[in-house]
Amino acid sequence: MQNENETYDVLQALYDTVIERRDNPQEKSYTCYLLDTGLDKILKKVGEECAETIIAAKNDSDTSPRRTTATATLSARSATCCITSWC
């Protein structure tokens, strides 16, 4: 399981990536696509990622590192979408 510093580092890296894409758009970047499409599309994606994270967490009765990593990855994806919506 990740400690608080590792979680912060992941979220900081995601935030930095979103800001980088916003300030220096890259062709075929999904983050750029979301930023260009607008808030409604971003919020829809946030909702999808949140639902996936909730389901993964509910099903995460196995404490294997692989399963925990999968749940953490989904949480990171949700965080990325949330960060994107605030930029």
PDB file of N, CA and C in Angstrom:
ATOM      1  N   MET A   1       0.836  -1.185   0.000  1.00  0.00           N
ATOM      2  CA  MET A   1       0.000   0.000   0.000  1.00  0.00           C
ATOM      3  C   MET A   1       0.880   1.248   0.000  1.00  0.00           C
ATOM      4  N   GLN A   2       0.427   2.279  -0.677  1.00  0.00           N
ATOM      5  CA  GLN A   2       1.206   3.505  -0.764  1.00  0.00           C
ATOM      6  C   GLN A   2       1.120   4.292   0.530  1.00  0.00           C
ATOM      7  N   ASN A   3       2.219   4.958   0.886  1.00  0.00           N
ATOM      8  CA  ASN A   3       2.140   5.853   2.027  1.00  0.00           C
ATOM      9  C   ASN A   3       1.708   7.232   1.528  1.00  0.00           C
ATOM     10  N   GLU A   4       1.508   8.153   2.464  1.00  0.00           N
ATOM     11  CA  GLU A   4       0.998   9.469   2.087  1.00  0.00           C
ATOM     12  C   GLU A   4       1.942  10.227   1.152  1.00  0.00           C
ATOM     13  N   ASN A   5       3.244  10.098   1.376  1.00  0.00           N
ATOM     14  CA  ASN A   5       4.199  10.798   0.514  1.00  0.00           C
ATOM     15  C   ASN A   5       4.145  10.272  -0.913  1.00  0.00           C
ATOM     16  N   GLU A   6       4.036   8.940  -1.074  1.00  0.00           N
ATOM     17  CA  GLU A   6       3.952   8.371  -2.420  1.00  0.00           C
ATOM     18  C   GLU A   6       2.678   8.811  -3.109  1.00  0.00           C
ATOM     19  N   THR A   7       1.583   8.840  -2.377  1.00  0.00           N
ATOM     20  CA  THR A   7       0.317   9.289  -2.942  1.00  0.00           C
ATOM     21  C   THR A   7       0.426  10.746  -3.374  1.00  0.00           C
ATOM     22  N   TYR A   8       1.010  11.576  -2.530  1.00  0.00           N
ATOM     23  CA  TYR A   8       1.194  12.987  -2.881  1.00  0.00           C
ATOM     24  C   TYR A   8       2.051  13.103  -4.137  1.00  0.00           C
ATOM     25  N   ASP A   9       3.140  12.327  -4.217  1.00  0.00           N
ATOM     26  CA  ASP A   9       4.029  12.386  -5.374  1.00  0.00           C
ATOM     27  C   ASP A   9       3.287  12.035  -6.660  1.00  0.00           C
ATOM     28  N   VAL A  10       2.441  11.017  -6.604  1.00  0.00           N
ATOM     29  CA  VAL A  10       1.674  10.614  -7.781  1.00  0.00           C
ATOM     30  C   VAL A  10       0.707  11.720  -8.183  1.00  0.00           C
ATOM     31  N   LEU A  11       0.003  12.257  -7.220  1.00  0.00           N
ATOM     32  CA  LEU A  11      -0.952  13.328  -7.522  1.00  0.00           C
ATOM     33  C   LEU A  11      -0.242  14.576  -8.031  1.00  0.00           C
ATOM     34  N   GLN A  12       0.917  14.887  -7.467  1.00  0.00           N
ATOM     35  CA  GLN A  12       1.678  16.042  -7.936  1.00  0.00           C
ATOM     36  C   GLN A  12       2.137  15.830  -9.372  1.00  0.00           C
ATOM     37  N   ALA A  13       2.600  14.625  -9.678  1.00  0.00           N
ATOM     38  CA  ALA A  13       3.043  14.318 -11.052  1.00  0.00           C
ATOM     39  C   ALA A  13       1.872  14.421 -12.024  1.00  0.00           C
ATOM     40  N   LEU A  14       0.702  13.932 -11.614  1.00  0.00           N
ATOM     41  CA  LEU A  14      -0.478  14.032 -12.470  1.00  0.00           C
ATOM     42  C   LEU A  14      -0.864  15.496 -12.685  1.00  0.00           C
ATOM     43  N   TYR A  15      -0.851  16.256 -11.616  1.00  0.00           N
ATOM     44  CA  TYR A  15      -1.186  17.669 -11.713  1.00  0.00           C
ATOM     45  C   TYR A  15      -0.216  18.382 -12.662  1.00  0.00           C
ATOM     46  N   ASP A  16       1.071  18.102 -12.491  1.00  0.00           N
ATOM     47  CA  ASP A  16       2.083  18.727 -13.346  1.00  0.00           C
ATOM     48  C   ASP A  16       1.864  18.379 -14.815  1.00  0.00           C
ATOM     49  N   THR A  17       1.482  17.136 -15.076  1.00  0.00           N
ATOM     50  CA  THR A  17       1.231  16.704 -16.452  1.00  0.00           C
ATOM     51  C   THR A  17       0.039  17.451 -17.045  1.00  0.00           C
ATOM     52  N   VAL A  18      -1.016  17.578 -16.269  1.00  0.00           N
ATOM     53  CA  VAL A  18      -2.206  18.281 -16.760  1.00  0.00           C
ATOM     54  C   VAL A  18      -1.878  19.741 -17.065  1.00  0.00           C
ATOM     55  N   ILE A  19      -1.154  20.384 -16.173  1.00  0.00           N
ATOM     56  CA  ILE A  19      -0.786  21.784 -16.393  1.00  0.00           C
ATOM     57  C   ILE A  19       0.116  21.905 -17.619  1.00  0.00           C
ATOM     58  N   GLU A  20       1.039  20.966 -17.768  1.00  0.00           N
ATOM     59  CA  GLU A  20       1.931  20.963 -18.942  1.00  0.00           C
ATOM     60  C   GLU A  20       1.121  20.831 -20.229  1.00  0.00           C
ATOM     61  N   ARG A  21       0.135  19.928 -20.243  1.00  0.00           N
ATOM     62  CA  ARG A  21      -0.700  19.746 -21.442  1.00  0.00           C
ATOM     63  C   ARG A  21      -1.534  20.983 -21.717  1.00  0.00           C
ATOM     64  N   ARG A  22      -2.025  21.600 -20.647  1.00  0.00           N
ATOM     65  CA  ARG A  22      -2.819  22.818 -20.822  1.00  0.00           C
ATOM     66  C   ARG A  22      -1.969  23.938 -21.423  1.00  0.00           C
ATOM     67  N   ASP A  23      -0.767  24.098 -20.896  1.00  0.00           N
ATOM     68  CA  ASP A  23       0.096  25.193 -21.329  1.00  0.00           C
ATOM     69  C   ASP A  23       0.834  24.909 -22.633  1.00  0.00           C
ATOM     70  N   ASN A  24       1.068  23.629 -22.926  1.00  0.00           N
ATOM     71  CA  ASN A  24       1.790  23.209 -24.135  1.00  0.00           C
ATOM     72  C   ASN A  24       1.058  22.025 -24.755  1.00  0.00           C
ATOM     73  N   PRO A  25      -0.066  22.291 -25.414  1.00  0.00           N
ATOM     74  CA  PRO A  25      -0.885  21.193 -25.957  1.00  0.00           C
ATOM     75  C   PRO A  25      -0.081  20.261 -26.860  1.00  0.00           C
ATOM     76  N   GLN A  26      -0.402  18.976 -26.737  1.00  0.00           N
ATOM     77  CA  GLN A  26       0.239  17.960 -27.563  1.00  0.00           C
ATOM     78  C   GLN A  26      -0.816  17.252 -28.394  1.00  0.00           C
ATOM     79  N   GLU A  27      -0.470  17.007 -29.632  1.00  0.00           N
ATOM     80  CA  GLU A  27      -1.372  16.305 -30.529  1.00  0.00           C
ATOM     81  C   GLU A  27      -1.686  14.918 -29.977  1.00  0.00           C
ATOM     82  N   LYS A  28      -2.936  14.519 -30.071  1.00  0.00           N
ATOM     83  CA  LYS A  28      -3.421  13.208 -29.631  1.00  0.00           C
ATOM     84  C   LYS A  28      -3.378  13.003 -28.116  1.00  0.00           C
ATOM     85  N   SER A  29      -3.285  14.074 -27.341  1.00  0.00           N
ATOM     86  CA  SER A  29      -3.322  13.979 -25.884  1.00  0.00           C
ATOM     87  C   SER A  29      -4.778  13.964 -25.430  1.00  0.00           C
ATOM     88  N   TYR A  30      -5.151  12.949 -24.650  1.00  0.00           N
ATOM     89  CA  TYR A  30      -6.528  12.872 -24.170  1.00  0.00           C
ATOM     90  C   TYR A  30      -6.822  14.031 -23.219  1.00  0.00           C
ATOM     91  N   THR A  31      -5.840  14.427 -22.437  1.00  0.00           N
ATOM     92  CA  THR A  31      -6.027  15.566 -21.541  1.00  0.00           C
ATOM     93  C   THR A  31      -6.330  16.829 -22.343  1.00  0.00           C
ATOM     94  N   CYS A  32      -5.590  17.041 -23.427  1.00  0.00           N
ATOM     95  CA  CYS A  32      -5.849  18.205 -24.287  1.00  0.00           C
ATOM     96  C   CYS A  32      -7.241  18.126 -24.897  1.00  0.00           C
ATOM     97  N   TYR A  33      -7.626  16.926 -25.301  1.00  0.00           N
ATOM     98  CA  TYR A  33      -8.968  16.731 -25.852  1.00  0.00           C
ATOM     99  C   TYR A  33     -10.019  17.155 -24.834  1.00  0.00           C
ATOM    100  N   LEU A  34      -9.872  16.703 -23.592  1.00  0.00           N
ATOM    101  CA  LEU A  34     -10.842  17.066 -22.564  1.00  0.00           C
ATOM    102  C   LEU A  34     -10.851  18.575 -22.328  1.00  0.00           C
ATOM    103  N   LEU A  35      -9.683  19.166 -22.255  1.00  0.00           N
ATOM    104  CA  LEU A  35      -9.610  20.609 -22.041  1.00  0.00           C
ATOM    105  C   LEU A  35     -10.258  21.386 -23.183  1.00  0.00           C
ATOM    106  N   ASP A  36     -10.080  20.906 -24.406  1.00  0.00           N
ATOM    107  CA  ASP A  36     -10.658  21.573 -25.575  1.00  0.00           C
ATOM    108  C   ASP A  36     -12.163  21.367 -25.684  1.00  0.00           C
ATOM    109  N   THR A  37     -12.640  20.231 -25.207  1.00  0.00           N
ATOM    110  CA  THR A  37     -14.054  19.877 -25.356  1.00  0.00           C
ATOM    111  C   THR A  37     -14.943  20.647 -24.389  1.00  0.00           C
ATOM    112  N   GLY A  38     -14.432  20.917 -23.205  1.00  0.00           N
ATOM    113  CA  GLY A  38     -15.197  21.724 -22.262  1.00  0.00           C
ATOM    114  C   GLY A  38     -15.583  20.997 -20.992  1.00  0.00           C
ATOM    115  N   LEU A  39     -16.135  21.764 -20.086  1.00  0.00           N
ATOM    116  CA  LEU A  39     -16.418  21.290 -18.747  1.00  0.00           C
ATOM    117  C   LEU A  39     -17.412  20.131 -18.698  1.00  0.00           C
ATOM    118  N   ASP A  40     -18.451  20.149 -19.535  1.00  0.00           N
ATOM    119  CA  ASP A  40     -19.425  19.057 -19.496  1.00  0.00           C
ATOM    120  C   ASP A  40     -18.762  17.710 -19.782  1.00  0.00           C
ATOM    121  N   LYS A  41     -17.904  17.653 -20.784  1.00  0.00           N
ATOM    122  CA  LYS A  41     -17.212  16.405 -21.132  1.00  0.00           C
ATOM    123  C   LYS A  41     -16.250  15.993 -20.007  1.00  0.00           C
ATOM    124  N   ILE A  42     -15.552  16.979 -19.442  1.00  0.00           N
ATOM    125  CA  ILE A  42     -14.637  16.697 -18.342  1.00  0.00           C
ATOM    126  C   ILE A  42     -15.397  16.108 -17.159  1.00  0.00           C
ATOM    127  N   LEU A  43     -16.504  16.716 -16.803  1.00  0.00           N
ATOM    128  CA  LEU A  43     -17.283  16.238 -15.655  1.00  0.00           C
ATOM    129  C   LEU A  43     -17.885  14.859 -15.908  1.00  0.00           C
ATOM    130  N   LYS A  44     -18.285  14.584 -17.142  1.00  0.00           N
ATOM    131  CA  LYS A  44     -18.772  13.250 -17.483  1.00  0.00           C
ATOM    132  C   LYS A  44     -17.659  12.228 -17.251  1.00  0.00           C
ATOM    133  N   LYS A  45     -16.457  12.548 -17.687  1.00  0.00           N
ATOM    134  CA  LYS A  45     -15.323  11.644 -17.502  1.00  0.00           C
ATOM    135  C   LYS A  45     -15.001  11.473 -16.024  1.00  0.00           C
ATOM    136  N   VAL A  46     -15.075  12.548 -15.257  1.00  0.00           N
ATOM    137  CA  VAL A  46     -14.849  12.460 -13.813  1.00  0.00           C
ATOM    138  C   VAL A  46     -15.841  11.479 -13.200  1.00  0.00           C
ATOM    139  N   GLY A  47     -17.100  11.595 -13.579  1.00  0.00           N
ATOM    140  CA  GLY A  47     -18.123  10.688 -13.059  1.00  0.00           C
ATOM    141  C   GLY A  47     -17.843   9.241 -13.409  1.00  0.00           C
ATOM    142  N   GLU A  48     -17.430   8.979 -14.647  1.00  0.00           N
ATOM    143  CA  GLU A  48     -17.094   7.615 -15.071  1.00  0.00           C
ATOM    144  C   GLU A  48     -15.943   7.054 -14.243  1.00  0.00           C
ATOM    145  N   GLU A  49     -14.898   7.850 -14.075  1.00  0.00           N
ATOM    146  CA  GLU A  49     -13.726   7.394 -13.322  1.00  0.00           C
ATOM    147  C   GLU A  49     -14.066   7.178 -11.853  1.00  0.00           C
ATOM    148  N   CYS A  50     -14.891   8.038 -11.292  1.00  0.00           N
ATOM    149  CA  CYS A  50     -15.311   7.866  -9.896  1.00  0.00           C
ATOM    150  C   CYS A  50     -16.088   6.569  -9.710  1.00  0.00           C
ATOM    151  N   ALA A  51     -16.996   6.297 -10.627  1.00  0.00           N
ATOM    152  CA  ALA A  51     -17.781   5.061 -10.543  1.00  0.00           C
ATOM    153  C   ALA A  51     -16.865   3.834 -10.627  1.00  0.00           C
ATOM    154  N   GLU A  52     -15.900   3.852 -11.545  1.00  0.00           N
ATOM    155  CA  GLU A  52     -14.961   2.729 -11.666  1.00  0.00           C
ATOM    156  C   GLU A  52     -14.135   2.563 -10.401  1.00  0.00           C
ATOM    157  N   THR A  53     -13.728   3.663  -9.802  1.00  0.00           N
ATOM    158  CA  THR A  53     -12.928   3.600  -8.584  1.00  0.00           C
ATOM    159  C   THR A  53     -13.737   3.025  -7.429  1.00  0.00           C
ATOM    160  N   ILE A  54     -14.974   3.449  -7.300  1.00  0.00           N
ATOM    161  CA  ILE A  54     -15.847   2.949  -6.231  1.00  0.00           C
ATOM    162  C   ILE A  54     -16.060   1.450  -6.380  1.00  0.00           C
ATOM    163  N   ILE A  55     -16.336   0.999  -7.583  1.00  0.00           N
ATOM    164  CA  ILE A  55     -16.554  -0.430  -7.824  1.00  0.00           C
ATOM    165  C   ILE A  55     -15.281  -1.224  -7.543  1.00  0.00           C
ATOM    166  N   ALA A  56     -14.141  -0.715  -7.998  1.00  0.00           N
ATOM    167  CA  ALA A  56     -12.874  -1.412  -7.751  1.00  0.00           C
ATOM    168  C   ALA A  56     -12.582  -1.493  -6.260  1.00  0.00           C
ATOM    169  N   ALA A  57     -12.841  -0.418  -5.535  1.00  0.00           N
ATOM    170  CA  ALA A  57     -12.600  -0.428  -4.094  1.00  0.00           C
ATOM    171  C   ALA A  57     -13.532  -1.405  -3.393  1.00  0.00           C
ATOM    172  N   LYS A  58     -14.784  -1.458  -3.831  1.00  0.00           N
ATOM    173  CA  LYS A  58     -15.746  -2.393  -3.245  1.00  0.00           C
ATOM    174  C   LYS A  58     -15.304  -3.829  -3.466  1.00  0.00           C
ATOM    175  N   ASN A  59     -14.773  -4.110  -4.635  1.00  0.00           N
ATOM    176  CA  ASN A  59     -14.370  -5.475  -4.987  1.00  0.00           C
ATOM    177  C   ASN A  59     -12.973  -5.823  -4.504  1.00  0.00           C
ATOM    178  N   ASP A  60     -12.322  -4.901  -3.836  1.00  0.00           N
ATOM    179  CA  ASP A  60     -10.929  -5.083  -3.435  1.00  0.00           C
ATOM    180  C   ASP A  60     -10.826  -5.789  -2.079  1.00  0.00           C
ATOM    181  N   SER A  61     -11.430  -6.986  -1.965  1.00  0.00           N
ATOM    182  CA  SER A  61     -11.315  -7.749  -0.724  1.00  0.00           C
ATOM    183  C   SER A  61     -10.012  -8.528  -0.687  1.00  0.00           C
ATOM    184  N   ASP A  62      -9.422  -8.752  -1.858  1.00  0.00           N
ATOM    185  CA  ASP A  62      -8.114  -9.404  -1.959  1.00  0.00           C
ATOM    186  C   ASP A  62      -7.057  -8.332  -1.708  1.00  0.00           C
ATOM    187  N   THR A  63      -6.173  -8.556  -0.779  1.00  0.00           N
ATOM    188  CA  THR A  63      -5.183  -7.538  -0.431  1.00  0.00           C
ATOM    189  C   THR A  63      -3.874  -7.725  -1.189  1.00  0.00           C
ATOM    190  N   SER A  64      -3.917  -8.455  -2.291  1.00  0.00           N
ATOM    191  CA  SER A  64      -2.700  -8.658  -3.065  1.00  0.00           C
ATOM    192  C   SER A  64      -2.213  -7.327  -3.617  1.00  0.00           C
ATOM    193  N   PRO A  65      -0.886  -7.161  -3.754  1.00  0.00           N
ATOM    194  CA  PRO A  65      -0.346  -5.905  -4.289  1.00  0.00           C
ATOM    195  C   PRO A  65      -0.896  -5.568  -5.665  1.00  0.00           C
ATOM    196  N   ARG A  66      -1.126  -6.584  -6.473  1.00  0.00           N
ATOM    197  CA  ARG A  66      -1.647  -6.355  -7.822  1.00  0.00           C
ATOM    198  C   ARG A  66      -3.015  -5.695  -7.779  1.00  0.00           C
ATOM    199  N   ARG A  67      -3.878  -6.224  -6.937  1.00  0.00           N
ATOM    200  CA  ARG A  67      -5.233  -5.673  -6.818  1.00  0.00           C
ATOM    201  C   ARG A  67      -5.179  -4.269  -6.220  1.00  0.00           C
ATOM    202  N   THR A  68      -4.369  -4.077  -5.194  1.00  0.00           N
ATOM    203  CA  THR A  68      -4.246  -2.766  -4.574  1.00  0.00           C
ATOM    204  C   THR A  68      -3.720  -1.750  -5.579  1.00  0.00           C
ATOM    205  N   THR A  69      -2.763  -2.149  -6.390  1.00  0.00           N
ATOM    206  CA  THR A  69      -2.220  -1.266  -7.417  1.00  0.00           C
ATOM    207  C   THR A  69      -3.287  -0.897  -8.433  1.00  0.00           C
ATOM    208  N   ALA A  70      -4.119  -1.851  -8.816  1.00  0.00           N
ATOM    209  CA  ALA A  70      -5.188  -1.569  -9.774  1.00  0.00           C
ATOM    210  C   ALA A  70      -6.154  -0.532  -9.214  1.00  0.00           C
ATOM    211  N   THR A  71      -6.512  -0.684  -7.958  1.00  0.00           N
ATOM    212  CA  THR A  71      -7.415   0.288  -7.334  1.00  0.00           C
ATOM    213  C   THR A  71      -6.750   1.654  -7.248  1.00  0.00           C
ATOM    214  N   ALA A  72      -5.477   1.685  -6.885  1.00  0.00           N
ATOM    215  CA  ALA A  72      -4.751   2.952  -6.797  1.00  0.00           C
ATOM    216  C   ALA A  72      -4.659   3.619  -8.164  1.00  0.00           C
ATOM    217  N   THR A  73      -4.475   2.813  -9.203  1.00  0.00           N
ATOM    218  CA  THR A  73      -4.401   3.359 -10.560  1.00  0.00           C
ATOM    219  C   THR A  73      -5.721   4.004 -10.948  1.00  0.00           C
ATOM    220  N   LEU A  74      -6.814   3.342 -10.636  1.00  0.00           N
ATOM    221  CA  LEU A  74      -8.120   3.928 -10.930  1.00  0.00           C
ATOM    222  C   LEU A  74      -8.316   5.222 -10.151  1.00  0.00           C
ATOM    223  N   SER A  75      -7.874   5.239  -8.905  1.00  0.00           N
ATOM    224  CA  SER A  75      -7.987   6.456  -8.109  1.00  0.00           C
ATOM    225  C   SER A  75      -7.162   7.573  -8.728  1.00  0.00           C
ATOM    226  N   ALA A  76      -5.981   7.232  -9.221  1.00  0.00           N
ATOM    227  CA  ALA A  76      -5.127   8.238  -9.864  1.00  0.00           C
ATOM    228  C   ALA A  76      -5.786   8.770 -11.126  1.00  0.00           C
ATOM    229  N   ARG A  77      -6.418   7.878 -11.887  1.00  0.00           N
ATOM    230  CA  ARG A  77      -7.119   8.327 -13.095  1.00  0.00           C
ATOM    231  C   ARG A  77      -8.239   9.287 -12.725  1.00  0.00           C
ATOM    232  N   SER A  78      -8.960   8.979 -11.663  1.00  0.00           N
ATOM    233  CA  SER A  78     -10.026   9.872 -11.212  1.00  0.00           C
ATOM    234  C   SER A  78      -9.457  11.217 -10.805  1.00  0.00           C
ATOM    235  N   ALA A  79      -8.349  11.177 -10.091  1.00  0.00           N
ATOM    236  CA  ALA A  79      -7.710  12.427  -9.657  1.00  0.00           C
ATOM    237  C   ALA A  79      -7.284  13.253 -10.864  1.00  0.00           C
ATOM    238  N   THR A  80      -6.747  12.584 -11.875  1.00  0.00           N
ATOM    239  CA  THR A  80      -6.326  13.297 -13.085  1.00  0.00           C
ATOM    240  C   THR A  80      -7.507  14.015 -13.713  1.00  0.00           C
ATOM    241  N   CYS A  81      -8.621  13.328 -13.809  1.00  0.00           N
ATOM    242  CA  CYS A  81      -9.810  13.953 -14.400  1.00  0.00           C
ATOM    243  C   CYS A  81     -10.280  15.121 -13.556  1.00  0.00           C
ATOM    244  N   CYS A  82     -10.244  14.971 -12.238  1.00  0.00           N
ATOM    245  CA  CYS A  82     -10.664  16.076 -11.369  1.00  0.00           C
ATOM    246  C   CYS A  82      -9.730  17.264 -11.525  1.00  0.00           C
ATOM    247  N   ILE A  83      -8.430  16.990 -11.557  1.00  0.00           N
ATOM    248  CA  ILE A  83      -7.460  18.072 -11.739  1.00  0.00           C
ATOM    249  C   ILE A  83      -7.716  18.765 -13.069  1.00  0.00           C
ATOM    250  N   THR A  84      -7.972  17.979 -14.104  1.00  0.00           N
ATOM    251  CA  THR A  84      -8.232  18.535 -15.428  1.00  0.00           C
ATOM    252  C   THR A  84      -9.423  19.494 -15.381  1.00  0.00           C
ATOM    253  N   SER A  85     -10.444  19.122 -14.642  1.00  0.00           N
ATOM    254  CA  SER A  85     -11.650  19.955 -14.603  1.00  0.00           C
ATOM    255  C   SER A  85     -11.407  21.282 -13.890  1.00  0.00           C
ATOM    256  N   TRP A  86     -10.391  21.345 -13.035  1.00  0.00           N
ATOM    257  CA  TRP A  86     -10.116  22.578 -12.303  1.00  0.00           C
ATOM    258  C   TRP A  86      -9.141  23.493 -13.013  1.00  0.00           C
ATOM    259  N   CYS A  87      -8.532  23.043 -14.118  1.00  0.00           N
ATOM    260  CA  CYS A  87      -7.489  23.853 -14.784  1.00  0.00           C
ATOM    261  C   CYS A  87      -8.096  24.900 -15.674  1.00  0.00           C
TER     262      CYS A  87
END
